[in-house]
Every structure is written in structure tokens, then in C-alpha cells.
């Protein structure tokens, strides 16, 4: 299924292909902090199936409660989370 989205201020827009069977609800403390809620809805896609249409996100690396490092991207203007993924090269799953 094709999805489109963007940040709150509209400077970053994107599109991607997802499999509806790979949409999950995450309750980890990082997802709670990023969403400001008790959970975050996550649609997973592969890096080659996701692209930015406008804008470029800012990135930082966060060590999660599990000890794993995750690359977090967000809009540098409004702060909206865009996606997270594993750190390093290779095939990646993007959580948006």
C-alpha cells in the first residue's frame, strides 16, 4: 500500500510502500516520549521503498532501553518525528 505523510509544519513530505501486516502499536518508553501518548503507531518499510519528496530531516542517535542504538529523524523546524531505523549500513527497516 502506498502511503504519504509529512511533518507538522509541512516542510518535510515523504512517500513509501508498506505492507499492512507490518503496522504495529509500540508501547516502549521511547515511542511514548516521541508520540506524547501511551503508544506510537508504527508502519515499517524498507529503505528502498521510502523517499523524501521535500525537505531533509535532522538526525540523532538514541540508545534505547534495550541498549540498541537507533537513528531518529525529525523535522529541524517543527520537531515532528519522521522515522527511526538501525544504525549503520546495509538493509534497513524504517519505522515511520
PDB file of N, CA and C in Angstrom:
ATOM      1  N   UNK A   1       0.844  -1.166   0.000  1.00  0.00           N
ATOM      2  CA  UNK A   1       0.000   0.000   0.000  1.00  0.00           C
ATOM      3  C   UNK A   1       0.896   1.237   0.000  1.00  0.00           C
ATOM      4  N   UNK A   2       0.580   2.211  -0.838  1.00  0.00           N
ATOM      5  CA  UNK A   2       1.334   3.461  -0.871  1.00  0.00           C
ATOM      6  C   UNK A   2       0.846   4.378   0.244  1.00  0.00           C
ATOM      7  N   UNK A   3       1.808   4.982   0.958  1.00  0.00           N
ATOM      8  CA  UNK A   3       1.477   5.960   1.993  1.00  0.00           C
ATOM      9  C   UNK A   3       2.184   7.266   1.679  1.00  0.00           C
ATOM     10  N   UNK A   4       1.629   8.353   2.153  1.00  0.00           N
ATOM     11  CA  UNK A   4       2.276   9.658   2.077  1.00  0.00           C
ATOM     12  C   UNK A   4       2.154  10.300   3.449  1.00  0.00           C
ATOM     13  N   UNK A   5       3.057  11.199   3.754  1.00  0.00           N
ATOM     14  CA  UNK A   5       2.995  11.866   5.041  1.00  0.00           C
ATOM     15  C   UNK A   5       3.946  13.029   5.089  1.00  0.00           C
ATOM     16  N   UNK A   6       4.019  13.638   6.253  1.00  0.00           N
ATOM     17  CA  UNK A   6       4.913  14.768   6.420  1.00  0.00           C
ATOM     18  C   UNK A   6       4.907  15.257   7.852  1.00  0.00           C
ATOM     19  N   UNK A   7       5.728  16.257   8.082  1.00  0.00           N
ATOM     20  CA  UNK A   7       5.828  16.844   9.408  1.00  0.00           C
ATOM     21  C   UNK A   7       4.682  17.832   9.649  1.00  0.00           C
ATOM     22  N   UNK A   8       4.587  18.346  10.846  1.00  0.00           N
ATOM     23  CA  UNK A   8       3.508  19.247  11.229  1.00  0.00           C
ATOM     24  C   UNK A   8       3.538  20.559  10.455  1.00  0.00           C
ATOM     25  N   UNK A   9       4.747  21.113  10.216  1.00  0.00           N
ATOM     26  CA  UNK A   9       4.832  22.406   9.520  1.00  0.00           C
ATOM     27  C   UNK A   9       4.803  22.277   7.995  1.00  0.00           C
ATOM     28  N   UNK A  10       4.925  21.062   7.481  1.00  0.00           N
ATOM     29  CA  UNK A  10       4.822  20.833   6.037  1.00  0.00           C
ATOM     30  C   UNK A  10       6.114  20.955   5.254  1.00  0.00           C
ATOM     31  N   UNK A  11       7.239  21.231   5.909  1.00  0.00           N
ATOM     32  CA  UNK A  11       8.498  21.369   5.175  1.00  0.00           C
ATOM     33  C   UNK A  11       9.056  20.028   4.716  1.00  0.00           C
ATOM     34  N   UNK A  12       8.728  18.947   5.423  1.00  0.00           N
ATOM     35  CA  UNK A  12       9.167  17.608   5.037  1.00  0.00           C
ATOM     36  C   UNK A  12       7.953  16.798   4.620  1.00  0.00           C
ATOM     37  N   UNK A  13       8.008  16.228   3.422  1.00  0.00           N
ATOM     38  CA  UNK A  13       6.974  15.298   2.964  1.00  0.00           C
ATOM     39  C   UNK A  13       7.671  14.049   2.438  1.00  0.00           C
ATOM     40  N   UNK A  14       6.957  12.936   2.471  1.00  0.00           N
ATOM     41  CA  UNK A  14       7.542  11.661   2.039  1.00  0.00           C
ATOM     42  C   UNK A  14       6.465  10.745   1.500  1.00  0.00           C
ATOM     43  N   UNK A  15       6.927   9.676   0.852  1.00  0.00           N
ATOM     44  CA  UNK A  15       6.029   8.612   0.419  1.00  0.00           C
ATOM     45  C   UNK A  15       6.756   7.287   0.584  1.00  0.00           C
ATOM     46  N   UNK A  16       5.983   6.237   0.689  1.00  0.00           N
ATOM     47  CA  UNK A  16       6.576   4.915   0.851  1.00  0.00           C
ATOM     48  C   UNK A  16       5.572   3.829   0.540  1.00  0.00           C
ATOM     49  N   UNK A  17       6.090   2.619   0.472  1.00  0.00           N
ATOM     50  CA  UNK A  17       5.264   1.430   0.291  1.00  0.00           C
ATOM     51  C   UNK A  17       5.333   0.620   1.574  1.00  0.00           C
ATOM     52  N   UNK A  18       4.169   0.254   2.111  1.00  0.00           N
ATOM     53  CA  UNK A  18       4.128  -0.562   3.323  1.00  0.00           C
ATOM     54  C   UNK A  18       3.257  -1.784   3.094  1.00  0.00           C
ATOM     55  N   UNK A  19       3.492  -2.783   3.917  1.00  0.00           N
ATOM     56  CA  UNK A  19       2.635  -3.953   3.979  1.00  0.00           C
ATOM     57  C   UNK A  19       1.780  -3.772   5.228  1.00  0.00           C
ATOM     58  N   UNK A  20       0.480  -3.780   5.078  1.00  0.00           N
ATOM     59  CA  UNK A  20      -0.412  -3.545   6.227  1.00  0.00           C
ATOM     60  C   UNK A  20      -0.204  -4.552   7.353  1.00  0.00           C
ATOM     61  N   UNK A  21       0.372  -5.711   7.039  1.00  0.00           N
ATOM     62  CA  UNK A  21       0.656  -6.699   8.076  1.00  0.00           C
ATOM     63  C   UNK A  21       1.841  -6.276   8.938  1.00  0.00           C
ATOM     64  N   UNK A  22       2.578  -5.241   8.509  1.00  0.00           N
ATOM     65  CA  UNK A  22       3.732  -4.748   9.261  1.00  0.00           C
ATOM     66  C   UNK A  22       3.447  -3.418   9.950  1.00  0.00           C
ATOM     67  N   UNK A  23       2.203  -3.158  10.277  1.00  0.00           N
ATOM     68  CA  UNK A  23       1.836  -1.971  11.047  1.00  0.00           C
ATOM     69  C   UNK A  23       1.575  -2.438  12.478  1.00  0.00           C
ATOM     70  N   UNK A  24       2.259  -1.808  13.431  1.00  0.00           N
ATOM     71  CA  UNK A  24       2.167  -2.249  14.821  1.00  0.00           C
ATOM     72  C   UNK A  24       1.947  -1.060  15.745  1.00  0.00           C
ATOM     73  N   UNK A  25       1.569  -1.356  16.961  1.00  0.00           N
ATOM     74  CA  UNK A  25       1.471  -0.379  18.037  1.00  0.00           C
ATOM     75  C   UNK A  25       2.625  -0.680  18.996  1.00  0.00           C
ATOM     76  N   UNK A  26       3.461   0.324  19.275  1.00  0.00           N
ATOM     77  CA  UNK A  26       4.592   0.123  20.180  1.00  0.00           C
ATOM     78  C   UNK A  26       4.350   0.922  21.459  1.00  0.00           C
ATOM     79  N   UNK A  27       4.618   0.284  22.592  1.00  0.00           N
ATOM     80  CA  UNK A  27       4.421   0.913  23.900  1.00  0.00           C
ATOM     81  C   UNK A  27       5.731   1.176  24.638  1.00  0.00           C
ATOM     82  N   UNK A  28       6.889   1.085  23.950  1.00  0.00           N
ATOM     83  CA  UNK A  28       8.163   1.313  24.635  1.00  0.00           C
ATOM     84  C   UNK A  28       8.238   2.780  25.086  1.00  0.00           C
ATOM     85  N   UNK A  29       9.107   3.053  26.044  1.00  0.00           N
ATOM     86  CA  UNK A  29       9.169   4.414  26.586  1.00  0.00           C
ATOM     87  C   UNK A  29       9.636   5.430  25.545  1.00  0.00           C
ATOM     88  N   UNK A  30      10.492   5.018  24.600  1.00  0.00           N
ATOM     89  CA  UNK A  30      10.905   5.939  23.542  1.00  0.00           C
ATOM     90  C   UNK A  30       9.718   6.320  22.667  1.00  0.00           C
ATOM     91  N   UNK A  31       8.911   5.354  22.270  1.00  0.00           N
ATOM     92  CA  UNK A  31       7.734   5.653  21.442  1.00  0.00           C
ATOM     93  C   UNK A  31       6.721   6.500  22.217  1.00  0.00           C
ATOM     94  N   UNK A  32       6.580   6.251  23.503  1.00  0.00           N
ATOM     95  CA  UNK A  32       5.693   7.076  24.321  1.00  0.00           C
ATOM     96  C   UNK A  32       6.179   8.515  24.359  1.00  0.00           C
ATOM     97  N   UNK A  33       7.495   8.708  24.518  1.00  0.00           N
ATOM     98  CA  UNK A  33       8.048  10.068  24.550  1.00  0.00           C
ATOM     99  C   UNK A  33       7.892  10.769  23.207  1.00  0.00           C
ATOM    100  N   UNK A  34       8.169  10.037  22.116  1.00  0.00           N
ATOM    101  CA  UNK A  34       8.076  10.637  20.782  1.00  0.00           C
ATOM    102  C   UNK A  34       6.650  11.012  20.398  1.00  0.00           C
ATOM    103  N   UNK A  35       5.676  10.230  20.863  1.00  0.00           N
ATOM    104  CA  UNK A  35       4.286  10.487  20.477  1.00  0.00           C
ATOM    105  C   UNK A  35       3.544  11.362  21.492  1.00  0.00           C
ATOM    106  N   UNK A  36       4.063  11.442  22.704  1.00  0.00           N
ATOM    107  CA  UNK A  36       3.336  12.154  23.759  1.00  0.00           C
ATOM    108  C   UNK A  36       2.103  11.395  24.192  1.00  0.00           C
ATOM    109  N   UNK A  37       2.101  10.092  23.995  1.00  0.00           N
ATOM    110  CA  UNK A  37       0.948   9.242  24.271  1.00  0.00           C
ATOM    111  C   UNK A  37       1.422   7.947  24.931  1.00  0.00           C
ATOM    112  N   UNK A  38       0.495   7.043  25.171  1.00  0.00           N
ATOM    113  CA  UNK A  38       0.835   5.742  25.753  1.00  0.00           C
ATOM    114  C   UNK A  38       1.382   4.772  24.713  1.00  0.00           C
ATOM    115  N   UNK A  39       1.332   5.142  23.433  1.00  0.00           N
ATOM    116  CA  UNK A  39       1.804   4.268  22.358  1.00  0.00           C
ATOM    117  C   UNK A  39       2.113   5.099  21.116  1.00  0.00           C
ATOM    118  N   UNK A  40       2.731   4.450  20.151  1.00  0.00           N
ATOM    119  CA  UNK A  40       3.004   5.050  18.844  1.00  0.00           C
ATOM    120  C   UNK A  40       2.638   4.023  17.784  1.00  0.00           C
ATOM    121  N   UNK A  41       1.910   4.439  16.779  1.00  0.00           N
ATOM    122  CA  UNK A  41       1.605   3.559  15.658  1.00  0.00           C
ATOM    123  C   UNK A  41       2.799   3.577  14.716  1.00  0.00           C
ATOM    124  N   UNK A  42       3.270   2.398  14.331  1.00  0.00           N
ATOM    125  CA  UNK A  42       4.476   2.273  13.523  1.00  0.00           C
ATOM    126  C   UNK A  42       4.151   1.505  12.244  1.00  0.00           C
ATOM    127  N   UNK A  43       4.513   2.090  11.105  1.00  0.00           N
ATOM    128  CA  UNK A  43       4.373   1.424   9.803  1.00  0.00           C
ATOM    129  C   UNK A  43       5.776   1.156   9.291  1.00  0.00           C
ATOM    130  N   UNK A  44       6.156  -0.105   9.179  1.00  0.00           N
ATOM    131  CA  UNK A  44       7.504  -0.459   8.758  1.00  0.00           C
ATOM    132  C   UNK A  44       7.598  -0.566   7.240  1.00  0.00           C
ATOM    133  N   UNK A  45       8.725  -0.108   6.714  1.00  0.00           N
ATOM    134  CA  UNK A  45       9.001  -0.202   5.286  1.00  0.00           C
ATOM    135  C   UNK A  45      10.496  -0.382   5.094  1.00  0.00           C
ATOM    136  N   UNK A  46      10.911  -0.806   3.942  1.00  0.00           N
ATOM    137  CA  UNK A  46      12.333  -0.940   3.643  1.00  0.00           C
ATOM    138  C   UNK A  46      12.859   0.370   3.091  1.00  0.00           C
ATOM    139  N   UNK A  47      14.150   0.633   3.294  1.00  0.00           N
ATOM    140  CA  UNK A  47      14.749   1.899   2.875  1.00  0.00           C
ATOM    141  C   UNK A  47      14.500   2.181   1.392  1.00  0.00           C
ATOM    142  N   UNK A  48      14.607   1.234   0.524  1.00  0.00           N
ATOM    143  CA  UNK A  48      14.387   1.450  -0.906  1.00  0.00           C
ATOM    144  C   UNK A  48      12.955   1.772  -1.261  1.00  0.00           C
ATOM    145  N   UNK A  49      12.022   1.542  -0.340  1.00  0.00           N
ATOM    146  CA  UNK A  49      10.597   1.785  -0.595  1.00  0.00           C
ATOM    147  C   UNK A  49      10.108   3.056   0.092  1.00  0.00           C
ATOM    148  N   UNK A  50      11.038   3.910   0.512  1.00  0.00           N
ATOM    149  CA  UNK A  50      10.710   5.135   1.235  1.00  0.00           C
ATOM    150  C   UNK A  50      11.559   6.254   0.655  1.00  0.00           C
ATOM    151  N   UNK A  51      10.922   7.402   0.356  1.00  0.00           N
ATOM    152  CA  UNK A  51      11.712   8.528  -0.143  1.00  0.00           C
ATOM    153  C   UNK A  51      11.097   9.848   0.289  1.00  0.00           C
ATOM    154  N   UNK A  52      11.973  10.831   0.425  1.00  0.00           N
ATOM    155  CA  UNK A  52      11.528  12.179   0.758  1.00  0.00           C
ATOM    156  C   UNK A  52      11.124  12.895  -0.519  1.00  0.00           C
ATOM    157  N   UNK A  53      10.011  13.596  -0.463  1.00  0.00           N
ATOM    158  CA  UNK A  53       9.550  14.408  -1.585  1.00  0.00           C
ATOM    159  C   UNK A  53      10.032  15.843  -1.417  1.00  0.00           C
ATOM    160  N   UNK A  54       9.995  16.341  -0.188  1.00  0.00           N
ATOM    161  CA  UNK A  54      10.503  17.680   0.116  1.00  0.00           C
ATOM    162  C   UNK A  54      11.201  17.656   1.461  1.00  0.00           C
ATOM    163  N   UNK A  55      12.181  18.526   1.615  1.00  0.00           N
ATOM    164  CA  UNK A  55      12.864  18.697   2.886  1.00  0.00           C
ATOM    165  C   UNK A  55      13.872  17.611   3.189  1.00  0.00           C
ATOM    166  N   UNK A  56      14.644  17.859   4.218  1.00  0.00           N
ATOM    167  CA  UNK A  56      15.665  16.944   4.709  1.00  0.00           C
ATOM    168  C   UNK A  56      15.581  16.930   6.228  1.00  0.00           C
ATOM    169  N   UNK A  57      15.415  15.762   6.831  1.00  0.00           N
ATOM    170  CA  UNK A  57      15.300  15.718   8.289  1.00  0.00           C
ATOM    171  C   UNK A  57      16.650  15.873   8.977  1.00  0.00           C
ATOM    172  N   UNK A  58      16.611  16.202  10.229  1.00  0.00           N
ATOM    173  CA  UNK A  58      17.788  16.169  11.092  1.00  0.00           C
ATOM    174  C   UNK A  58      17.800  14.795  11.759  1.00  0.00           C
ATOM    175  N   UNK A  59      18.984  14.352  12.175  1.00  0.00           N
ATOM    176  CA  UNK A  59      19.139  13.007  12.724  1.00  0.00           C
ATOM    177  C   UNK A  59      19.972  13.034  14.000  1.00  0.00           C
ATOM    178  N   UNK A  60      19.620  12.174  14.935  1.00  0.00           N
ATOM    179  CA  UNK A  60      20.461  11.913  16.097  1.00  0.00           C
ATOM    180  C   UNK A  60      20.365  10.434  16.422  1.00  0.00           C
ATOM    181  N   UNK A  61      21.311   9.926  17.206  1.00  0.00           N
ATOM    182  CA  UNK A  61      21.316   8.512  17.580  1.00  0.00           C
ATOM    183  C   UNK A  61      20.955   8.408  19.058  1.00  0.00           C
ATOM    184  N   UNK A  62      19.972   7.582  19.351  1.00  0.00           N
ATOM    185  CA  UNK A  62      19.469   7.380  20.710  1.00  0.00           C
ATOM    186  C   UNK A  62      19.714   5.936  21.115  1.00  0.00           C
ATOM    187  N   UNK A  63      20.207   5.722  22.327  1.00  0.00           N
ATOM    188  CA  UNK A  63      20.330   4.373  22.860  1.00  0.00           C
ATOM    189  C   UNK A  63      19.055   4.070  23.623  1.00  0.00           C
ATOM    190  N   UNK A  64      18.316   3.067  23.169  1.00  0.00           N
ATOM    191  CA  UNK A  64      17.032   2.713  23.766  1.00  0.00           C
ATOM    192  C   UNK A  64      17.189   1.949  25.074  1.00  0.00           C
ATOM    193  N   UNK A  65      16.065   1.679  25.710  1.00  0.00           N
ATOM    194  CA  UNK A  65      16.058   0.910  26.954  1.00  0.00           C
ATOM    195  C   UNK A  65      16.689  -0.465  26.765  1.00  0.00           C
ATOM    196  N   UNK A  66      16.625  -1.000  25.548  1.00  0.00           N
ATOM    197  CA  UNK A  66      17.190  -2.319  25.244  1.00  0.00           C
ATOM    198  C   UNK A  66      18.705  -2.271  25.105  1.00  0.00           C
ATOM    199  N   UNK A  67      19.272  -1.061  24.998  1.00  0.00           N
ATOM    200  CA  UNK A  67      20.701  -0.915  24.768  1.00  0.00           C
ATOM    201  C   UNK A  67      21.058  -0.770  23.299  1.00  0.00           C
ATOM    202  N   UNK A  68      20.082  -0.983  22.414  1.00  0.00           N
ATOM    203  CA  UNK A  68      20.328  -0.851  20.982  1.00  0.00           C
ATOM    204  C   UNK A  68      20.302   0.616  20.579  1.00  0.00           C
ATOM    205  N   UNK A  69      21.170   0.957  19.654  1.00  0.00           N
ATOM    206  CA  UNK A  69      21.218   2.325  19.135  1.00  0.00           C
ATOM    207  C   UNK A  69      20.258   2.446  17.960  1.00  0.00           C
ATOM    208  N   UNK A  70      19.493   3.534  17.944  1.00  0.00           N
ATOM    209  CA  UNK A  70      18.519   3.792  16.880  1.00  0.00           C
ATOM    210  C   UNK A  70      18.738   5.187  16.329  1.00  0.00           C
ATOM    211  N   UNK A  71      18.758   5.287  15.008  1.00  0.00           N
ATOM    212  CA  UNK A  71      18.826   6.585  14.347  1.00  0.00           C
ATOM    213  C   UNK A  71      17.420   7.171  14.341  1.00  0.00           C
ATOM    214  N   UNK A  72      17.270   8.352  14.898  1.00  0.00           N
ATOM    215  CA  UNK A  72      15.978   9.033  14.977  1.00  0.00           C
ATOM    216  C   UNK A  72      16.026  10.246  14.057  1.00  0.00           C
ATOM    217  N   UNK A  73      15.024  10.413  13.207  1.00  0.00           N
ATOM    218  CA  UNK A  73      14.983  11.584  12.335  1.00  0.00           C
ATOM    219  C   UNK A  73      13.766  12.419  12.683  1.00  0.00           C
ATOM    220  N   UNK A  74      13.910  13.727  12.482  1.00  0.00           N
ATOM    221  CA  UNK A  74      12.838  14.651  12.831  1.00  0.00           C
ATOM    222  C   UNK A  74      12.973  15.904  11.989  1.00  0.00           C
ATOM    223  N   UNK A  75      11.916  16.695  11.935  1.00  0.00           N
ATOM    224  CA  UNK A  75      11.949  17.978  11.246  1.00  0.00           C
ATOM    225  C   UNK A  75      12.711  18.967  12.122  1.00  0.00           C
ATOM    226  N   UNK A  76      13.716  19.623  11.544  1.00  0.00           N
ATOM    227  CA  UNK A  76      14.500  20.600  12.286  1.00  0.00           C
ATOM    228  C   UNK A  76      13.749  21.873  12.587  1.00  0.00           C
ATOM    229  N   UNK A  77      12.618  22.107  11.914  1.00  0.00           N
ATOM    230  CA  UNK A  77      11.836  23.322  12.154  1.00  0.00           C
ATOM    231  C   UNK A  77      10.740  23.114  13.195  1.00  0.00           C
ATOM    232  N   UNK A  78       9.922  22.073  13.036  1.00  0.00           N
ATOM    233  CA  UNK A  78       8.797  21.891  13.963  1.00  0.00           C
ATOM    234  C   UNK A  78       9.018  20.751  14.965  1.00  0.00           C
ATOM    235  N   UNK A  79      10.052  19.934  14.752  1.00  0.00           N
ATOM    236  CA  UNK A  79      10.366  18.866  15.697  1.00  0.00           C
ATOM    237  C   UNK A  79       9.592  17.577  15.509  1.00  0.00           C
ATOM    238  N   UNK A  80       8.729  17.486  14.496  1.00  0.00           N
ATOM    239  CA  UNK A  80       7.942  16.266  14.288  1.00  0.00           C
ATOM    240  C   UNK A  80       8.851  15.066  14.029  1.00  0.00           C
ATOM    241  N   UNK A  81       8.646  13.938  14.742  1.00  0.00           N
ATOM    242  CA  UNK A  81       9.396  12.723  14.415  1.00  0.00           C
ATOM    243  C   UNK A  81       9.002  12.247  13.017  1.00  0.00           C
ATOM    244  N   UNK A  82       9.991  11.798  12.235  1.00  0.00           N
ATOM    245  CA  UNK A  82       9.715  11.315  10.883  1.00  0.00           C
ATOM    246  C   UNK A  82       9.878   9.798  10.823  1.00  0.00           C
ATOM    247  N   UNK A  83      11.057   9.279  11.172  1.00  0.00           N
ATOM    248  CA  UNK A  83      11.250   7.825  11.212  1.00  0.00           C
ATOM    249  C   UNK A  83      12.420   7.486  12.113  1.00  0.00           C
ATOM    250  N   UNK A  84      12.539   6.206  12.440  1.00  0.00           N
ATOM    251  CA  UNK A  84      13.714   5.696  13.134  1.00  0.00           C
ATOM    252  C   UNK A  84      14.159   4.419  12.435  1.00  0.00           C
ATOM    253  N   UNK A  85      15.442   4.095  12.590  1.00  0.00           N
ATOM    254  CA  UNK A  85      15.998   2.904  11.956  1.00  0.00           C
ATOM    255  C   UNK A  85      17.254   2.492  12.703  1.00  0.00           C
ATOM    256  N   UNK A  86      17.794   1.343  12.352  1.00  0.00           N
ATOM    257  CA  UNK A  86      19.027   0.879  12.972  1.00  0.00           C
ATOM    258  C   UNK A  86      20.203   1.738  12.511  1.00  0.00           C
ATOM    259  N   UNK A  87      21.280   1.690  13.278  1.00  0.00           N
ATOM    260  CA  UNK A  87      22.479   2.465  12.960  1.00  0.00           C
ATOM    261  C   UNK A  87      23.403   1.625  12.093  1.00  0.00           C
ATOM    262  N   UNK A  88      24.009   2.229  11.084  1.00  0.00           N
ATOM    263  CA  UNK A  88      24.959   1.533  10.239  1.00  0.00           C
ATOM    264  C   UNK A  88      24.420   1.309   8.831  1.00  0.00           C
ATOM    265  N   UNK A  89      25.264   0.690   8.022  1.00  0.00           N
ATOM    266  CA  UNK A  89      24.908   0.455   6.623  1.00  0.00           C
ATOM    267  C   UNK A  89      24.146  -0.861   6.470  1.00  0.00           C
ATOM    268  N   UNK A  90      23.724  -1.126   5.250  1.00  0.00           N
ATOM    269  CA  UNK A  90      23.050  -2.385   4.945  1.00  0.00           C
ATOM    270  C   UNK A  90      21.559  -2.200   4.826  1.00  0.00           C
ATOM    271  N   UNK A  91      20.873  -3.311   4.644  1.00  0.00           N
ATOM    272  CA  UNK A  91      19.415  -3.286   4.515  1.00  0.00           C
ATOM    273  C   UNK A  91      18.802  -2.836   5.825  1.00  0.00           C
ATOM    274  N   UNK A  92      17.890  -1.889   5.753  1.00  0.00           N
ATOM    275  CA  UNK A  92      17.297  -1.348   6.964  1.00  0.00           C
ATOM    276  C   UNK A  92      15.782  -1.351   6.868  1.00  0.00           C
ATOM    277  N   UNK A  93      15.175  -1.536   8.010  1.00  0.00           N
ATOM    278  CA  UNK A  93      13.747  -1.345   8.128  1.00  0.00           C
ATOM    279  C   UNK A  93      13.537   0.030   8.731  1.00  0.00           C
ATOM    280  N   UNK A  94      12.666   0.793   8.132  1.00  0.00           N
ATOM    281  CA  UNK A  94      12.360   2.133   8.604  1.00  0.00           C
ATOM    282  C   UNK A  94      11.037   2.106   9.346  1.00  0.00           C
ATOM    283  N   UNK A  95      11.021   2.657  10.545  1.00  0.00           N
ATOM    284  CA  UNK A  95       9.804   2.769  11.344  1.00  0.00           C
ATOM    285  C   UNK A  95       9.312   4.194  11.220  1.00  0.00           C
ATOM    286  N   UNK A  96       8.135   4.378  10.649  1.00  0.00           N
ATOM    287  CA  UNK A  96       7.608   5.727  10.466  1.00  0.00           C
ATOM    288  C   UNK A  96       6.282   5.859  11.187  1.00  0.00           C
TER     289      UNK A  96
END
